[in-house]
Amino acid sequence: MKHLITIADLDRAAAIELLDTSERMAATQERQMRKLPALLGSTIVNLFMEDSTRTKLSFEAAAKRLSADVIGFAAKGSSISKGESLKDTALTLRAMGADAVVVRAPSSGAAHKLAHAGWIDVPIINAGDGTHQHPTQALLDAFTLRRHLGARSASGSLDGAGLDGLHVVIVGDILHSRVARSNVQLMTMLGARVTVVAPPSLVPVGADVWPCEVSYDFDDAIAQGPDAVMMLRVQRERMLGGGYFPSAAEYTRLLQLTDARAARLPEHAIIMHPGPMNRGFEIAGGAADGPRSVIIEQVAAGVVVRMAVLFHLLASNEREGS
């Protein structure tokens, strides 16, 4: 694996290897000294051309805990905001001696372009590009699911386990969600059954050929007894012109994870959200904060999963090339 642009860059074995490495990284974070020397001397550039909190901070924490130097490169206040092209930005990063670039962009395909245009020859990690993909989010979601619901060996280890037999329901703005696209691809690869739920106006054209079920009825999906429900934020910033649903009240009536809906989930089921949350809109406060919720655990998982990705792209490749 040279880059991580989409889930298609992985097969099942590679995805499970990353999850297993994430478990080992998590174990190191329980020690008093959490920093590892694995990427000492490496420089990671976080190129964020779109606002972010959790993803940006967790990539920075992951790199620093592997002893890498981190350079933050935000669009606001940089030459990008003055119209500098992606090519010129890439050439700047190359001149700065970047060993890997984490890129988040509002345009679908920006990470692929950066990886394959020949401007810079270092690993590129897609931290979210437009409505296309967000592979590390899907990996941290799979990590969280596996920890709570995965099959364990006699020793209690999760090594080698996928998500076989689990049923995951993803609800909300599927149309604009790179998280939904990446999760459908990864979770089904790992053996889960996935159902996406949205009004017809928020289901992408072509979703009928995705490896998942498409439903327009949240209550019916809950009645099927899913193992996990993942709520998605309605991305109003991508809804130019509006008209995707009649009103906020109608959306919450049909698609909010209310406390009553949460109570109808199976006893073992977990509640997930990639953030940021619109409390009281797509998810009720009780559901977000209740004992079923693993939302904060997803945030913590982001650090160890991104440590694993950086380790495989940099430390593992260096050993193979030596």
C-alpha atoms as a PDB file:
ATOM      1  CA  MET A   1       0.000   0.000   0.000  1.00  0.00           C
ATOM      2  CA  LYS A   2       1.638   3.228  -1.189  1.00  0.00           C
ATOM      3  CA  HIS A   3      -1.301   5.552  -0.492  1.00  0.00           C
ATOM      4  CA  LEU A   4      -4.645   5.418   1.291  1.00  0.00           C
ATOM      5  CA  ILE A   5      -7.062   7.304  -0.930  1.00  0.00           C
ATOM      6  CA  THR A   6     -10.137   5.058  -0.880  1.00  0.00           C
ATOM      7  CA  ILE A   7     -11.219   1.841   0.800  1.00  0.00           C
ATOM      8  CA  ALA A   8     -10.586   0.235  -2.606  1.00  0.00           C
ATOM      9  CA  ASP A   9      -6.854   0.582  -1.815  1.00  0.00           C
ATOM     10  CA  LEU A  10      -7.387  -2.216   0.718  1.00  0.00           C
ATOM     11  CA  ASP A  11      -8.518  -5.796   0.541  1.00  0.00           C
ATOM     12  CA  ARG A  12     -10.005  -7.677   3.497  1.00  0.00           C
ATOM     13  CA  ALA A  13      -6.613  -8.960   4.689  1.00  0.00           C
ATOM     14  CA  ALA A  14      -5.026  -5.491   4.544  1.00  0.00           C
ATOM     15  CA  ALA A  15      -7.984  -3.899   6.340  1.00  0.00           C
ATOM     16  CA  ILE A  16      -7.851  -6.489   9.129  1.00  0.00           C
ATOM     17  CA  GLU A  17      -4.082  -6.030   9.409  1.00  0.00           C
ATOM     18  CA  LEU A  18      -4.630  -2.295   9.951  1.00  0.00           C
ATOM     19  CA  LEU A  19      -7.277  -3.011  12.591  1.00  0.00           C
ATOM     20  CA  ASP A  20      -4.982  -5.491  14.334  1.00  0.00           C
ATOM     21  CA  THR A  21      -2.148  -2.930  14.311  1.00  0.00           C
ATOM     22  CA  SER A  22      -4.591  -0.367  15.706  1.00  0.00           C
ATOM     23  CA  GLU A  23      -5.254  -2.720  18.634  1.00  0.00           C
ATOM     24  CA  ARG A  24      -1.533  -2.921  19.317  1.00  0.00           C
ATOM     25  CA  MET A  25      -1.252   0.865  19.080  1.00  0.00           C
ATOM     26  CA  ALA A  26      -4.134   1.180  21.544  1.00  0.00           C
ATOM     27  CA  ALA A  27      -2.262  -1.031  23.997  1.00  0.00           C
ATOM     28  CA  THR A  28       0.723   1.318  23.890  1.00  0.00           C
ATOM     29  CA  GLN A  29      -1.505   4.264  24.752  1.00  0.00           C
ATOM     30  CA  GLU A  30      -2.347   2.711  28.108  1.00  0.00           C
ATOM     31  CA  ARG A  31       1.283   3.028  29.208  1.00  0.00           C
ATOM     32  CA  GLN A  32       2.703   5.959  31.165  1.00  0.00           C
ATOM     33  CA  MET A  33       4.988   6.753  28.219  1.00  0.00           C
ATOM     34  CA  ARG A  34       2.697   6.742  25.195  1.00  0.00           C
ATOM     35  CA  LYS A  35       5.190   8.016  22.630  1.00  0.00           C
ATOM     36  CA  LEU A  36       6.817   5.518  20.237  1.00  0.00           C
ATOM     37  CA  PRO A  37      10.002   6.138  18.180  1.00  0.00           C
ATOM     38  CA  ALA A  38       8.621   4.478  15.021  1.00  0.00           C
ATOM     39  CA  LEU A  39       8.584   7.630  12.836  1.00  0.00           C
ATOM     40  CA  LEU A  40      11.394   9.578  14.478  1.00  0.00           C
ATOM     41  CA  GLY A  41      12.896  11.904  11.857  1.00  0.00           C
ATOM     42  CA  SER A  42       9.848  11.799   9.562  1.00  0.00           C
ATOM     43  CA  THR A  43       7.861  14.895   8.641  1.00  0.00           C
ATOM     44  CA  ILE A  44       4.087  14.628   8.215  1.00  0.00           C
ATOM     45  CA  VAL A  45       2.249  17.522   6.577  1.00  0.00           C
ATOM     46  CA  ASN A  46      -1.428  17.998   7.406  1.00  0.00           C
ATOM     47  CA  LEU A  47      -2.852  19.799   4.362  1.00  0.00           C
ATOM     48  CA  PHE A  48      -6.376  20.787   5.378  1.00  0.00           C
ATOM     49  CA  MET A  49      -8.251  22.788   2.772  1.00  0.00           C
ATOM     50  CA  GLU A  50     -11.555  22.229   4.575  1.00  0.00           C
ATOM     51  CA  ASP A  51     -12.541  22.829   8.199  1.00  0.00           C
ATOM     52  CA  SER A  52     -12.017  19.955  10.609  1.00  0.00           C
ATOM     53  CA  THR A  53     -11.653  19.350  14.310  1.00  0.00           C
ATOM     54  CA  ARG A  54     -11.587  15.617  15.140  1.00  0.00           C
ATOM     55  CA  THR A  55      -9.784  14.442  12.003  1.00  0.00           C
ATOM     56  CA  LYS A  56      -7.158  17.159  12.033  1.00  0.00           C
ATOM     57  CA  LEU A  57      -6.369  16.849  15.730  1.00  0.00           C
ATOM     58  CA  SER A  58      -6.277  13.053  15.685  1.00  0.00           C
ATOM     59  CA  PHE A  59      -3.877  12.924  12.723  1.00  0.00           C
ATOM     60  CA  GLU A  60      -1.645  15.418  14.520  1.00  0.00           C
ATOM     61  CA  ALA A  61      -1.787  13.416  17.759  1.00  0.00           C
ATOM     62  CA  ALA A  62      -1.151  10.151  15.878  1.00  0.00           C
ATOM     63  CA  ALA A  63       1.944  11.515  14.132  1.00  0.00           C
ATOM     64  CA  LYS A  64       3.366  13.035  17.318  1.00  0.00           C
ATOM     65  CA  ARG A  65       2.831   9.843  19.306  1.00  0.00           C
ATOM     66  CA  LEU A  66       4.914   8.074  16.660  1.00  0.00           C
ATOM     67  CA  SER A  67       7.610  10.755  17.171  1.00  0.00           C
ATOM     68  CA  ALA A  68       7.142  12.386  13.750  1.00  0.00           C
ATOM     69  CA  ASP A  69       7.421  16.126  13.172  1.00  0.00           C
ATOM     70  CA  VAL A  70       4.107  17.658  12.113  1.00  0.00           C
ATOM     71  CA  ILE A  71       3.566  20.675   9.879  1.00  0.00           C
ATOM     72  CA  GLY A  72       0.048  22.084   9.803  1.00  0.00           C
ATOM     73  CA  PHE A  73      -0.994  23.641   6.498  1.00  0.00           C
ATOM     74  CA  ALA A  74      -4.500  25.141   6.574  1.00  0.00           C
ATOM     75  CA  ALA A  75      -6.156  26.763   3.578  1.00  0.00           C
ATOM     76  CA  LYS A  76      -7.304  29.816   5.528  1.00  0.00           C
ATOM     77  CA  GLY A  77      -4.458  32.276   5.801  1.00  0.00           C
ATOM     78  CA  SER A  78      -2.262  30.372   3.341  1.00  0.00           C
ATOM     79  CA  SER A  79      -1.507  30.852  -0.349  1.00  0.00           C
ATOM     80  CA  ILE A  80      -4.325  28.406  -1.146  1.00  0.00           C
ATOM     81  CA  SER A  81      -6.813  31.047  -0.017  1.00  0.00           C
ATOM     82  CA  LYS A  82      -5.113  33.420  -2.467  1.00  0.00           C
ATOM     83  CA  GLY A  83      -5.696  31.076  -5.395  1.00  0.00           C
ATOM     84  CA  GLU A  84      -2.571  28.911  -5.382  1.00  0.00           C
ATOM     85  CA  SER A  85      -3.108  25.680  -7.335  1.00  0.00           C
ATOM     86  CA  LEU A  86      -2.921  22.187  -5.880  1.00  0.00           C
ATOM     87  CA  LYS A  87       0.117  21.572  -8.065  1.00  0.00           C
ATOM     88  CA  ASP A  88       2.044  24.543  -6.673  1.00  0.00           C
ATOM     89  CA  THR A  89       1.071  23.579  -3.144  1.00  0.00           C
ATOM     90  CA  ALA A  90       2.370  20.039  -3.786  1.00  0.00           C
ATOM     91  CA  LEU A  91       5.655  21.406  -5.128  1.00  0.00           C
ATOM     92  CA  THR A  92       5.963  23.532  -1.989  1.00  0.00           C
ATOM     93  CA  LEU A  93       5.411  20.486   0.212  1.00  0.00           C
ATOM     94  CA  ARG A  94       8.041  18.557  -1.737  1.00  0.00           C
ATOM     95  CA  ALA A  95      10.527  21.377  -1.267  1.00  0.00           C
ATOM     96  CA  MET A  96       9.801  21.348   2.465  1.00  0.00           C
ATOM     97  CA  GLY A  97      10.826  17.674   2.657  1.00  0.00           C
ATOM     98  CA  ALA A  98       7.463  16.138   3.507  1.00  0.00           C
ATOM     99  CA  ASP A  99       7.612  12.363   4.030  1.00  0.00           C
ATOM    100  CA  ALA A 100       3.816  11.970   3.901  1.00  0.00           C
ATOM    101  CA  VAL A 101       0.869  14.267   3.291  1.00  0.00           C
ATOM    102  CA  VAL A 102      -2.532  14.029   4.946  1.00  0.00           C
ATOM    103  CA  VAL A 103      -4.992  15.924   2.767  1.00  0.00           C
ATOM    104  CA  ARG A 104      -8.563  17.064   3.366  1.00  0.00           C
ATOM    105  CA  ALA A 105     -10.253  18.865   0.499  1.00  0.00           C
ATOM    106  CA  PRO A 106     -13.718  20.095  -0.473  1.00  0.00           C
ATOM    107  CA  SER A 107     -13.294  18.686  -4.000  1.00  0.00           C
ATOM    108  CA  SER A 108     -13.826  14.998  -4.726  1.00  0.00           C
ATOM    109  CA  GLY A 109     -10.712  13.508  -6.295  1.00  0.00           C
ATOM    110  CA  ALA A 110      -8.207  16.006  -4.856  1.00  0.00           C
ATOM    111  CA  ALA A 111      -6.359  13.335  -2.844  1.00  0.00           C
ATOM    112  CA  HIS A 112      -6.138  11.027  -5.879  1.00  0.00           C
ATOM    113  CA  LYS A 113      -4.791  13.882  -7.992  1.00  0.00           C
ATOM    114  CA  LEU A 114      -2.143  14.700  -5.395  1.00  0.00           C
ATOM    115  CA  ALA A 115      -1.115  11.028  -5.189  1.00  0.00           C
ATOM    116  CA  HIS A 116      -0.900  10.297  -8.901  1.00  0.00           C
ATOM    117  CA  ALA A 117      -0.100  13.544 -10.765  1.00  0.00           C
ATOM    118  CA  GLY A 118       3.649  13.140 -10.254  1.00  0.00           C
ATOM    119  CA  TRP A 119       4.110  16.405  -8.377  1.00  0.00           C
ATOM    120  CA  ILE A 120       5.225  14.759  -5.126  1.00  0.00           C
ATOM    121  CA  ASP A 121       6.355  11.180  -4.516  1.00  0.00           C
ATOM    122  CA  VAL A 122       5.363  10.458  -0.909  1.00  0.00           C
ATOM    123  CA  PRO A 123       2.455   8.565   0.681  1.00  0.00           C
ATOM    124  CA  ILE A 124      -0.827  10.487   0.489  1.00  0.00           C
ATOM    125  CA  ILE A 125      -3.587   9.843   3.019  1.00  0.00           C
ATOM    126  CA  ASN A 126      -7.085  11.011   2.208  1.00  0.00           C
ATOM    127  CA  ALA A 127      -8.639  12.691   5.251  1.00  0.00           C
ATOM    128  CA  GLY A 128     -11.862  13.344   3.334  1.00  0.00           C
ATOM    129  CA  ASP A 129     -12.390  14.659  -0.194  1.00  0.00           C
ATOM    130  CA  GLY A 130     -15.701  16.238  -1.105  1.00  0.00           C
ATOM    131  CA  THR A 131     -18.485  13.654  -1.126  1.00  0.00           C
ATOM    132  CA  HIS A 132     -16.103  10.902  -2.250  1.00  0.00           C
ATOM    133  CA  GLN A 133     -14.249   9.004   0.499  1.00  0.00           C
ATOM    134  CA  HIS A 134     -12.993   9.190   4.083  1.00  0.00           C
ATOM    135  CA  PRO A 135     -11.142   5.882   4.561  1.00  0.00           C
ATOM    136  CA  THR A 136      -9.638   6.456   8.013  1.00  0.00           C
ATOM    137  CA  GLN A 137     -13.075   7.350   9.389  1.00  0.00           C
ATOM    138  CA  ALA A 138     -14.401   4.031   8.103  1.00  0.00           C
ATOM    139  CA  LEU A 139     -11.446   2.212   9.666  1.00  0.00           C
ATOM    140  CA  LEU A 140     -11.998   3.817  13.070  1.00  0.00           C
ATOM    141  CA  ASP A 141     -15.711   2.998  12.847  1.00  0.00           C
ATOM    142  CA  ALA A 142     -14.863  -0.627  12.038  1.00  0.00           C
ATOM    143  CA  PHE A 143     -12.354  -0.640  14.915  1.00  0.00           C
ATOM    144  CA  THR A 144     -15.080   0.564  17.309  1.00  0.00           C
ATOM    145  CA  LEU A 145     -17.607  -1.973  16.017  1.00  0.00           C
ATOM    146  CA  ARG A 146     -15.110  -4.800  16.277  1.00  0.00           C
ATOM    147  CA  ARG A 147     -14.198  -3.894  19.859  1.00  0.00           C
ATOM    148  CA  HIS A 148     -17.819  -3.961  20.984  1.00  0.00           C
ATOM    149  CA  LEU A 149     -19.318  -6.647  18.790  1.00  0.00           C
ATOM    150  CA  GLY A 150     -16.524  -8.612  17.093  1.00  0.00           C
ATOM    151  CA  ALA A 151     -15.792 -12.290  17.584  1.00  0.00           C
ATOM    152  CA  ARG A 152     -12.894 -12.880  19.977  1.00  0.00           C
ATOM    153  CA  SER A 153     -10.515 -15.806  20.203  1.00  0.00           C
ATOM    154  CA  ALA A 154     -10.228 -17.974  23.306  1.00  0.00           C
ATOM    155  CA  SER A 155      -7.475 -15.637  24.536  1.00  0.00           C
ATOM    156  CA  GLY A 156      -9.751 -12.628  24.160  1.00  0.00           C
ATOM    157  CA  SER A 157      -7.833 -11.276  21.172  1.00  0.00           C
ATOM    158  CA  LEU A 158      -9.561  -9.617  18.221  1.00  0.00           C
ATOM    159  CA  ASP A 159      -6.631 -10.326  15.872  1.00  0.00           C
ATOM    160  CA  GLY A 160      -7.868 -11.536  12.504  1.00  0.00           C
ATOM    161  CA  ALA A 161     -11.516 -10.775  13.218  1.00  0.00           C
ATOM    162  CA  GLY A 162     -13.743  -8.983  10.766  1.00  0.00           C
ATOM    163  CA  LEU A 163     -17.332  -7.809  11.163  1.00  0.00           C
ATOM    164  CA  ASP A 164     -18.902 -11.029   9.928  1.00  0.00           C
ATOM    165  CA  GLY A 165     -22.586 -11.409  10.724  1.00  0.00           C
ATOM    166  CA  LEU A 166     -23.152  -7.893  12.047  1.00  0.00           C
ATOM    167  CA  HIS A 167     -25.970  -5.666  10.799  1.00  0.00           C
ATOM    168  CA  VAL A 168     -25.176  -1.938  10.677  1.00  0.00           C
ATOM    169  CA  VAL A 169     -27.765   0.734   9.824  1.00  0.00           C
ATOM    170  CA  ILE A 170     -26.457   4.089   8.526  1.00  0.00           C
ATOM    171  CA  VAL A 171     -29.022   6.888   8.649  1.00  0.00           C
ATOM    172  CA  GLY A 172     -29.272  10.388   7.239  1.00  0.00           C
ATOM    173  CA  ASP A 173     -27.659  12.413   4.484  1.00  0.00           C
ATOM    174  CA  ILE A 174     -26.274   9.543   2.420  1.00  0.00           C
ATOM    175  CA  LEU A 175     -26.121  11.702  -0.719  1.00  0.00           C
ATOM    176  CA  HIS A 176     -23.392  14.029   0.551  1.00  0.00           C
ATOM    177  CA  SER A 177     -21.648  11.622   2.918  1.00  0.00           C
ATOM    178  CA  ARG A 178     -18.133  10.394   2.163  1.00  0.00           C
ATOM    179  CA  VAL A 179     -18.367   8.602   5.530  1.00  0.00           C
ATOM    180  CA  ALA A 180     -21.329   6.548   4.309  1.00  0.00           C
ATOM    181  CA  ARG A 181     -19.590   5.615   1.059  1.00  0.00           C
ATOM    182  CA  SER A 182     -16.405   4.508   2.806  1.00  0.00           C
ATOM    183  CA  ASN A 183     -18.253   2.640   5.542  1.00  0.00           C
ATOM    184  CA  VAL A 184     -20.518   0.724   3.169  1.00  0.00           C
ATOM    185  CA  GLN A 185     -17.467  -0.396   1.223  1.00  0.00           C
ATOM    186  CA  LEU A 186     -15.353  -1.361   4.238  1.00  0.00           C
ATOM    187  CA  MET A 187     -18.037  -2.911   6.417  1.00  0.00           C
ATOM    188  CA  THR A 188     -19.346  -5.151   3.662  1.00  0.00           C
ATOM    189  CA  MET A 189     -15.759  -6.135   2.794  1.00  0.00           C
ATOM    190  CA  LEU A 190     -15.367  -7.194   6.432  1.00  0.00           C
ATOM    191  CA  GLY A 191     -18.537  -9.288   6.310  1.00  0.00           C
ATOM    192  CA  ALA A 192     -21.206  -6.992   7.747  1.00  0.00           C
ATOM    193  CA  ARG A 193     -24.666  -6.441   6.336  1.00  0.00           C
ATOM    194  CA  VAL A 194     -25.310  -2.717   5.856  1.00  0.00           C
ATOM    195  CA  THR A 195     -28.598  -0.862   5.431  1.00  0.00           C
ATOM    196  CA  VAL A 196     -28.613   2.826   4.522  1.00  0.00           C
ATOM    197  CA  VAL A 197     -31.704   4.835   5.451  1.00  0.00           C
ATOM    198  CA  ALA A 198     -32.597   8.226   3.981  1.00  0.00           C
ATOM    199  CA  PRO A 199     -35.403  10.053   2.215  1.00  0.00           C
ATOM    200  CA  PRO A 200     -35.297   9.445  -1.571  1.00  0.00           C
ATOM    201  CA  SER A 201     -33.915  12.965  -2.114  1.00  0.00           C
ATOM    202  CA  LEU A 202     -30.836  12.111  -0.008  1.00  0.00           C
ATOM    203  CA  VAL A 203     -30.044   8.772  -1.646  1.00  0.00           C
ATOM    204  CA  PRO A 204     -27.384   9.037  -4.393  1.00  0.00           C
ATOM    205  CA  VAL A 205     -28.118   8.026  -7.952  1.00  0.00           C
ATOM    206  CA  GLY A 206     -26.604   4.568  -8.376  1.00  0.00           C
ATOM    207  CA  ALA A 207     -26.970   3.548  -4.719  1.00  0.00           C
ATOM    208  CA  ASP A 208     -29.030   0.590  -5.923  1.00  0.00           C
ATOM    209  CA  VAL A 209     -25.784  -1.075  -7.063  1.00  0.00           C
ATOM    210  CA  TRP A 210     -23.947  -0.435  -3.768  1.00  0.00           C
ATOM    211  CA  PRO A 211     -23.298  -3.609  -1.734  1.00  0.00           C
ATOM    212  CA  CYS A 212     -25.980  -2.662   0.794  1.00  0.00           C
ATOM    213  CA  GLU A 213     -29.717  -2.414   1.287  1.00  0.00           C
ATOM    214  CA  VAL A 214     -31.468   0.936   0.768  1.00  0.00           C
ATOM    215  CA  SER A 215     -34.442   1.816   2.969  1.00  0.00           C
ATOM    216  CA  TYR A 216     -36.611   4.898   3.339  1.00  0.00           C
ATOM    217  CA  ASP A 217     -38.144   3.801   6.657  1.00  0.00           C
ATOM    218  CA  PHE A 218     -36.028   4.208   9.807  1.00  0.00           C
ATOM    219  CA  ASP A 219     -38.558   2.467  12.034  1.00  0.00           C
ATOM    220  CA  ASP A 220     -38.594  -0.571   9.763  1.00  0.00           C
ATOM    221  CA  ALA A 221     -34.782  -0.716   9.869  1.00  0.00           C
ATOM    222  CA  ILE A 222     -34.879  -0.604  13.682  1.00  0.00           C
ATOM    223  CA  ALA A 223     -37.447  -3.398  13.719  1.00  0.00           C
ATOM    224  CA  GLN A 224     -34.899  -5.637  11.985  1.00  0.00           C
ATOM    225  CA  GLY A 225     -32.774  -5.591  15.149  1.00  0.00           C
ATOM    226  CA  PRO A 226     -29.503  -4.042  13.970  1.00  0.00           C
ATOM    227  CA  ASP A 227     -26.299  -4.412  15.965  1.00  0.00           C
ATOM    228  CA  ALA A 228     -25.356  -0.772  15.425  1.00  0.00           C
ATOM    229  CA  VAL A 229     -26.966   2.438  14.223  1.00  0.00           C
ATOM    230  CA  MET A 230     -24.778   5.200  12.808  1.00  0.00           C
ATOM    231  CA  MET A 231     -26.357   8.633  12.480  1.00  0.00           C
ATOM    232  CA  LEU A 232     -25.034  11.129   9.915  1.00  0.00           C
ATOM    233  CA  ARG A 233     -25.056  14.910  10.001  1.00  0.00           C
ATOM    234  CA  VAL A 234     -27.188  16.681   7.412  1.00  0.00           C
ATOM    235  CA  GLN A 235     -24.589  18.591   5.391  1.00  0.00           C
ATOM    236  CA  ARG A 236     -26.452  21.814   4.743  1.00  0.00           C
ATOM    237  CA  GLU A 237     -23.273  23.472   3.421  1.00  0.00           C
ATOM    238  CA  ARG A 238     -23.423  21.139   0.408  1.00  0.00           C
ATOM    239  CA  MET A 239     -27.155  21.653  -0.178  1.00  0.00           C
ATOM    240  CA  LEU A 240     -27.004  24.726  -2.368  1.00  0.00           C
ATOM    241  CA  GLY A 241     -30.527  25.753  -3.197  1.00  0.00           C
ATOM    242  CA  GLY A 242     -32.103  23.481  -0.569  1.00  0.00           C
ATOM    243  CA  GLY A 243     -35.210  21.436  -1.281  1.00  0.00           C
ATOM    244  CA  TYR A 244     -33.819  18.099  -0.085  1.00  0.00           C
ATOM    245  CA  PHE A 245     -36.567  17.648   2.547  1.00  0.00           C
ATOM    246  CA  PRO A 246     -39.749  19.604   3.362  1.00  0.00           C
ATOM    247  CA  SER A 247     -38.702  20.980   6.746  1.00  0.00           C
ATOM    248  CA  ALA A 248     -36.455  20.362   9.718  1.00  0.00           C
ATOM    249  CA  ALA A 249     -39.482  19.196  11.711  1.00  0.00           C
ATOM    250  CA  GLU A 250     -40.379  16.624   9.059  1.00  0.00           C
ATOM    251  CA  TYR A 251     -36.801  15.353   8.884  1.00  0.00           C
ATOM    252  CA  THR A 252     -36.586  14.870  12.645  1.00  0.00           C
ATOM    253  CA  ARG A 253     -39.982  13.162  12.745  1.00  0.00           C
ATOM    254  CA  LEU A 254     -38.920  10.587  10.190  1.00  0.00           C
ATOM    255  CA  LEU A 255     -35.170  10.207  10.728  1.00  0.00           C
ATOM    256  CA  GLN A 256     -34.071  11.465  14.143  1.00  0.00           C
ATOM    257  CA  LEU A 257     -32.689   8.844  16.507  1.00  0.00           C
ATOM    258  CA  THR A 258     -35.040   9.777  19.331  1.00  0.00           C
ATOM    259  CA  ASP A 259     -34.830   8.320  22.806  1.00  0.00           C
ATOM    260  CA  ALA A 260     -37.892   6.207  21.956  1.00  0.00           C
ATOM    261  CA  ARG A 261     -36.246   4.769  18.832  1.00  0.00           C
ATOM    262  CA  ALA A 262     -33.029   4.108  20.751  1.00  0.00           C
ATOM    263  CA  ALA A 263     -35.037   2.183  23.361  1.00  0.00           C
ATOM    264  CA  ARG A 264     -36.327  -0.154  20.628  1.00  0.00           C
ATOM    265  CA  LEU A 265     -32.835  -1.238  19.591  1.00  0.00           C
ATOM    266  CA  PRO A 266     -31.586  -4.661  20.731  1.00  0.00           C
ATOM    267  CA  GLU A 267     -30.017  -4.626  24.189  1.00  0.00           C
ATOM    268  CA  HIS A 268     -26.496  -5.130  22.803  1.00  0.00           C
ATOM    269  CA  ALA A 269     -26.781  -2.549  19.991  1.00  0.00           C
ATOM    270  CA  ILE A 270     -24.516   0.502  19.924  1.00  0.00           C
ATOM    271  CA  ILE A 271     -25.091   4.057  18.706  1.00  0.00           C
ATOM    272  CA  MET A 272     -22.472   5.776  16.546  1.00  0.00           C
ATOM    273  CA  HIS A 273     -21.941   9.187  14.941  1.00  0.00           C
ATOM    274  CA  PRO A 274     -18.868  10.409  13.017  1.00  0.00           C
ATOM    275  CA  GLY A 275     -19.416  13.997  14.203  1.00  0.00           C
ATOM    276  CA  PRO A 276     -19.978  16.816  14.351  1.00  0.00           C
ATOM    277  CA  MET A 277     -23.438  16.184  15.803  1.00  0.00           C
ATOM    278  CA  ASN A 278     -26.499  18.361  15.455  1.00  0.00           C
ATOM    279  CA  ARG A 279     -28.090  17.510  18.785  1.00  0.00           C
ATOM    280  CA  GLY A 280     -31.844  17.664  18.639  1.00  0.00           C
ATOM    281  CA  PHE A 281     -31.855  17.317  14.878  1.00  0.00           C
ATOM    282  CA  GLU A 282     -30.503  13.967  13.628  1.00  0.00           C
ATOM    283  CA  ILE A 283     -29.951  12.628  17.143  1.00  0.00           C
ATOM    284  CA  ALA A 284     -31.556  13.307  20.519  1.00  0.00           C
ATOM    285  CA  GLY A 285     -29.350  14.251  23.457  1.00  0.00           C
ATOM    286  CA  GLY A 286     -30.398  11.177  25.427  1.00  0.00           C
ATOM    287  CA  ALA A 287     -29.390   8.846  22.609  1.00  0.00           C
ATOM    288  CA  ALA A 288     -26.090  10.671  22.072  1.00  0.00           C
ATOM    289  CA  ASP A 289     -25.112  10.534  25.747  1.00  0.00           C
ATOM    290  CA  GLY A 290     -26.725   7.289  26.848  1.00  0.00           C
ATOM    291  CA  PRO A 291     -25.029   3.992  27.744  1.00  0.00           C
ATOM    292  CA  ARG A 292     -25.383   2.639  24.196  1.00  0.00           C
ATOM    293  CA  SER A 293     -23.437   5.549  22.716  1.00  0.00           C
ATOM    294  CA  VAL A 294     -19.834   4.920  21.626  1.00  0.00           C
ATOM    295  CA  ILE A 295     -19.389   8.329  19.997  1.00  0.00           C
ATOM    296  CA  ILE A 296     -16.565   9.438  22.288  1.00  0.00           C
ATOM    297  CA  GLU A 297     -14.892   6.050  21.801  1.00  0.00           C
ATOM    298  CA  GLN A 298     -14.932   6.689  18.049  1.00  0.00           C
ATOM    299  CA  VAL A 299     -12.963   9.891  18.642  1.00  0.00           C
ATOM    300  CA  ALA A 300     -10.383   8.017  20.732  1.00  0.00           C
ATOM    301  CA  ALA A 301     -10.203   5.272  18.100  1.00  0.00           C
ATOM    302  CA  GLY A 302      -9.299   7.893  15.511  1.00  0.00           C
ATOM    303  CA  VAL A 303      -5.889   8.432  17.085  1.00  0.00           C
ATOM    304  CA  VAL A 304      -4.818   4.774  17.259  1.00  0.00           C
ATOM    305  CA  VAL A 305      -6.212   3.918  13.806  1.00  0.00           C
ATOM    306  CA  ARG A 306      -4.364   6.852  12.254  1.00  0.00           C
ATOM    307  CA  MET A 307      -1.216   5.793  14.115  1.00  0.00           C
ATOM    308  CA  ALA A 308      -1.599   2.385  12.446  1.00  0.00           C
ATOM    309  CA  VAL A 309      -2.105   3.906   8.990  1.00  0.00           C
ATOM    310  CA  LEU A 310       0.941   6.177   9.314  1.00  0.00           C
ATOM    311  CA  PHE A 311       3.011   3.273  10.634  1.00  0.00           C
ATOM    312  CA  HIS A 312       2.087   0.996   7.725  1.00  0.00           C
ATOM    313  CA  LEU A 313       2.653   3.680   5.092  1.00  0.00           C
ATOM    314  CA  LEU A 314       5.972   4.914   6.462  1.00  0.00           C
ATOM    315  CA  ALA A 315       7.680   2.598   8.970  1.00  0.00           C
ATOM    316  CA  SER A 316       6.598  -0.672   7.336  1.00  0.00           C
ATOM    317  CA  ASN A 317       7.487   0.534   3.826  1.00  0.00           C
ATOM    318  CA  GLU A 318      10.901   1.707   5.002  1.00  0.00           C
ATOM    319  CA  ARG A 319      11.650  -1.731   6.446  1.00  0.00           C
ATOM    320  CA  GLU A 320      10.529  -3.444   3.245  1.00  0.00           C
ATOM    321  CA  GLY A 321      12.716  -1.156   1.143  1.00  0.00           C
ATOM    322  CA  SER A 322      15.815  -1.588   3.304  1.00  0.00           C
END
